[in-house]
Protein backbone atom coordinates (compact mmCIF):
# COMPACT_ATOMS: atom_id res chain seq x y z
CA MET A 1 18.36 -45.49 138.55
CA ASN A 2 19.28 -44.40 135.02
CA GLY A 3 21.88 -41.80 136.46
CA PHE A 4 19.34 -39.73 137.83
CA SER A 5 20.21 -37.54 140.96
CA ASN A 6 18.17 -38.38 144.01
CA ASP A 7 19.27 -35.12 145.73
CA VAL A 8 16.48 -32.45 146.03
CA SER A 9 19.01 -29.74 145.35
CA GLY A 10 19.10 -31.28 141.70
CA MET A 11 15.40 -30.97 140.98
CA ALA A 12 15.05 -28.22 138.63
CA ALA A 13 11.59 -26.63 138.20
CA VAL A 14 9.22 -28.28 135.84
CA SER A 15 6.53 -26.53 134.04
CA ASN A 16 3.01 -27.73 134.98
CA LEU A 17 1.13 -26.53 131.79
CA PRO A 18 -2.14 -28.15 130.77
CA LEU A 19 -1.48 -31.14 128.85
CA PRO A 20 -2.42 -30.84 125.00
CA ILE A 21 -5.87 -31.74 124.04
CA GLY A 22 -6.17 -35.43 123.01
CA VAL A 23 -3.26 -36.96 124.78
CA ARG A 24 -4.12 -39.80 127.20
CA VAL A 25 -2.20 -39.83 130.61
CA ILE A 26 -3.85 -42.46 132.74
CA GLY A 27 -3.29 -42.47 136.47
CA VAL A 28 -3.61 -45.97 137.94
CA THR A 29 -4.30 -46.20 141.53
CA GLY A 30 -6.18 -48.40 144.16
CA GLY A 31 -5.73 -49.94 147.64
CA ILE A 32 -2.55 -51.67 148.63
CA ALA A 33 -2.35 -55.26 147.38
CA MET A 34 -5.30 -54.90 144.97
CA GLY A 35 -3.29 -55.76 141.82
CA LYS A 36 -1.63 -52.53 140.47
CA SER A 37 1.56 -54.29 139.88
CA THR A 38 -0.19 -57.05 137.72
CA LEU A 39 -1.75 -54.35 135.54
CA SER A 40 1.62 -52.44 135.16
CA ASN A 41 3.50 -55.42 134.01
CA TYR A 42 0.80 -56.44 131.45
CA LEU A 43 0.71 -52.77 130.01
CA GLU A 44 4.59 -52.86 129.66
CA LYS A 45 4.82 -56.38 128.35
CA ALA A 46 1.60 -57.12 126.33
CA HIS A 47 1.02 -53.53 125.16
CA GLN A 48 4.40 -52.01 125.07
CA LEU A 49 3.07 -49.00 126.70
CA PRO A 50 5.10 -46.52 128.91
CA VAL A 51 4.75 -47.11 132.47
CA PHE A 52 6.08 -44.81 135.30
CA ASP A 53 5.93 -46.14 138.85
CA ALA A 54 5.72 -43.78 141.84
CA ASP A 55 6.98 -46.69 144.12
CA ARG A 56 10.14 -46.92 141.97
CA TYR A 57 10.94 -43.25 142.47
CA ALA A 58 10.11 -43.44 146.14
CA ARG A 59 12.77 -45.89 146.44
CA GLU A 60 15.19 -43.86 144.51
CA ALA A 61 14.43 -40.97 146.77
CA VAL A 62 15.76 -42.91 149.75
CA ALA A 63 18.87 -44.53 148.03
CA PRO A 64 21.90 -44.40 150.36
CA GLY A 65 23.58 -41.31 150.49
CA SER A 66 20.69 -39.26 149.38
CA GLU A 67 19.76 -35.98 151.03
CA ILE A 68 16.20 -37.17 151.64
CA LEU A 69 17.41 -40.40 153.52
CA GLN A 70 19.88 -38.43 155.44
CA ALA A 71 16.92 -36.05 156.65
CA ILE A 72 14.88 -39.30 157.34
CA ALA A 73 17.67 -40.79 159.51
CA THR A 74 17.96 -37.49 161.23
CA HIS A 75 14.40 -37.19 162.16
CA PHE A 76 13.79 -40.80 163.11
CA GLY A 77 17.31 -41.79 164.28
CA ALA A 78 19.78 -44.35 163.17
CA ALA A 79 17.67 -47.27 164.00
CA ILE A 80 15.88 -47.05 160.67
CA LEU A 81 19.07 -47.58 158.68
CA GLN A 82 20.60 -50.94 157.79
CA PRO A 83 24.31 -51.63 158.76
CA ASP A 84 25.15 -50.79 155.05
CA GLY A 85 23.47 -47.39 155.36
CA SER A 86 20.40 -48.33 153.29
CA LEU A 87 16.91 -47.76 154.57
CA ASP A 88 15.46 -50.44 156.94
CA ARG A 89 12.04 -50.16 155.48
CA LYS A 90 10.43 -52.64 158.13
CA ALA A 91 11.66 -50.54 160.93
CA LEU A 92 10.42 -47.38 159.42
CA GLY A 93 7.05 -49.07 158.56
CA GLN A 94 6.65 -50.02 162.07
CA ILE A 95 6.76 -46.29 163.04
CA VAL A 96 4.89 -44.58 160.31
CA PHE A 97 1.88 -46.99 159.87
CA ASN A 98 1.22 -46.47 163.58
CA HIS A 99 1.73 -42.85 163.78
CA ALA A 100 -0.33 -40.69 161.18
CA GLN A 101 1.71 -37.48 162.01
CA GLU A 102 4.97 -39.27 161.34
CA ARG A 103 3.78 -40.81 158.24
CA HIS A 104 2.71 -37.26 156.86
CA TRP A 105 6.18 -35.77 157.62
CA LEU A 106 7.75 -38.71 155.70
CA GLU A 107 5.48 -38.12 152.76
CA GLU A 108 6.52 -34.54 152.77
CA GLN A 109 10.02 -35.53 152.18
CA ILE A 110 9.31 -38.10 149.56
CA HIS A 111 6.36 -36.83 147.34
CA PRO A 112 8.05 -33.67 146.00
CA PHE A 113 10.75 -35.86 144.48
CA VAL A 114 8.27 -38.62 143.26
CA ARG A 115 5.99 -36.00 141.56
CA TYR A 116 9.09 -34.45 139.82
CA ARG A 117 10.18 -37.74 138.36
CA LEU A 118 6.61 -38.86 137.27
CA GLN A 119 6.09 -35.38 135.60
CA THR A 120 9.51 -35.50 133.85
CA GLU A 121 9.07 -38.91 132.40
CA ARG A 122 5.49 -38.31 131.50
CA ASP A 123 6.57 -35.35 129.48
CA ARG A 124 9.48 -37.20 127.78
CA ALA A 125 7.09 -40.01 126.80
CA LEU A 126 4.60 -37.59 125.21
CA GLN A 127 7.38 -35.91 123.43
CA ASP A 128 8.38 -39.09 121.97
CA ASP A 129 4.90 -40.11 120.89
CA PRO A 130 2.00 -38.06 121.87
CA GLN A 131 -0.35 -40.62 120.45
CA ARG A 132 0.60 -43.28 122.69
CA PRO A 133 -1.15 -43.64 126.18
CA VAL A 134 1.19 -42.97 129.18
CA PHE A 135 0.54 -44.56 132.51
CA LEU A 136 1.47 -43.38 135.90
CA MET A 137 1.29 -45.96 138.59
CA VAL A 138 0.56 -44.06 141.88
CA PRO A 139 -0.84 -45.82 144.79
CA LEU A 140 -1.21 -42.36 146.56
CA LEU A 141 -2.64 -40.47 143.47
CA PHE A 142 -5.40 -38.79 145.53
CA GLU A 143 -3.74 -38.56 148.84
CA ALA A 144 -0.61 -36.89 147.36
CA GLU A 145 -2.77 -34.51 145.17
CA MET A 146 -1.16 -35.63 141.99
CA THR A 147 -4.40 -36.07 140.01
CA ASP A 148 -3.23 -32.90 137.83
CA LEU A 149 -0.60 -35.00 136.28
CA VAL A 150 -3.07 -37.15 134.37
CA THR A 151 -6.03 -36.89 132.11
CA GLU A 152 -7.90 -39.90 133.30
CA ILE A 153 -7.95 -42.15 136.39
CA TRP A 154 -8.34 -45.84 136.59
CA VAL A 155 -8.85 -47.60 140.09
CA VAL A 156 -8.02 -51.25 140.62
CA TYR A 157 -10.65 -52.82 143.09
CA CYS A 158 -11.27 -55.92 145.13
CA PRO A 159 -13.24 -56.25 148.22
CA GLU A 160 -11.60 -55.44 151.63
CA GLU A 161 -11.70 -59.11 152.94
CA GLN A 162 -9.69 -60.14 149.72
CA GLN A 163 -7.49 -57.31 150.11
CA ILE A 164 -6.38 -57.92 153.54
CA GLN A 165 -5.64 -61.60 152.82
CA ARG A 166 -3.61 -60.78 149.89
CA LEU A 167 -1.56 -58.24 151.82
CA MET A 168 -0.77 -60.59 154.82
CA GLN A 169 0.42 -63.25 152.49
CA ARG A 170 2.59 -60.92 150.22
CA GLU A 171 4.16 -59.07 153.17
CA SER A 172 4.01 -61.76 155.93
CA LEU A 173 1.96 -59.50 158.04
CA SER A 174 -0.33 -59.98 160.96
CA TRP A 175 -4.11 -58.94 160.56
CA ASP A 176 -3.25 -55.82 162.72
CA GLN A 177 -0.32 -54.77 160.73
CA ALA A 178 -2.07 -55.39 157.46
CA GLN A 179 -4.95 -53.39 158.78
CA ALA A 180 -2.69 -50.40 159.66
CA ARG A 181 -1.25 -50.29 156.18
CA MET A 182 -4.74 -50.29 154.69
CA THR A 183 -6.18 -47.52 156.98
CA SER A 184 -3.15 -45.42 156.02
CA GLN A 185 -4.70 -44.62 152.64
CA MET A 186 -7.94 -43.19 151.38
CA GLU A 187 -10.94 -45.45 151.49
CA ILE A 188 -11.14 -47.50 148.34
CA GLN A 189 -14.75 -46.58 147.71
CA LYS A 190 -13.79 -42.91 147.71
CA LYS A 191 -11.31 -43.57 145.05
CA CYS A 192 -13.89 -45.58 142.99
CA ASP A 193 -16.12 -42.73 143.16
CA ARG A 194 -13.67 -40.28 141.71
CA ALA A 195 -12.46 -42.73 138.97
CA HIS A 196 -13.14 -42.60 135.26
CA LEU A 197 -12.79 -46.49 135.33
CA VAL A 198 -12.94 -49.12 138.05
CA LEU A 199 -11.12 -52.36 137.23
CA ASP A 200 -12.59 -55.27 139.04
CA ASN A 201 -9.69 -57.48 140.36
CA SER A 202 -11.93 -59.76 142.75
CA LEU A 203 -11.91 -62.59 140.29
CA THR A 204 -9.18 -64.01 137.77
CA ILE A 205 -6.23 -62.34 136.48
CA GLU A 206 -7.50 -62.92 132.90
CA PHE A 207 -10.64 -61.15 133.90
CA LEU A 208 -8.77 -58.06 135.08
CA LEU A 209 -6.72 -58.01 132.06
CA SER A 210 -9.66 -58.29 129.66
CA GLN A 211 -11.14 -55.14 131.26
CA VAL A 212 -7.76 -53.36 130.49
CA ASP A 213 -7.96 -54.53 126.72
CA ARG A 214 -11.42 -53.04 126.49
CA ALA A 215 -10.47 -49.81 127.99
CA LEU A 216 -7.54 -49.36 125.87
CA ALA A 217 -9.47 -50.07 122.77
CA SER A 218 -12.32 -47.59 123.56
């Protein structure tokens, strides 16, 4: 965690001034299991670009001993903790993916921390090299109202039938469990409608990455 405090009390205010003209801060989003991780790895390894992942910061937020995890355990009960004090993600998921009100409460605890981390790392990367594109990987970019952190939006897309099969295989979920996770997010078509670029991940990985190469060259 690079020594960063995951206590909410340690989060100083971060200025949210408009980004300088000409910089590229690209927010990447899409539906769950649509290929955002593949894209993230490619950007980092093949293009050597700074990529900051909201999911990583969400995990930091609930690290053992954090104020946020303590609040979550108080709210949901000790049953959502592992014996070592870490978060039992499966147990928590069974609650929040079936109860929208509880999911919204959980997001209210985690999203401010994630936003702070994304903005801090974005600003640091732009200070290091304002000419280099910066990528923020944010599955809930629209839902969490973080679009103001970026200058353009890329959405990774595949058909729903393909998405649910990938999710079931990746997470070892039943069809109903996978469907519950999918419906917890904004409809993918609504995300596509608000995107500057839609990346089609319905075919091969090579096809997806070729679209990325073209977009970076534009």
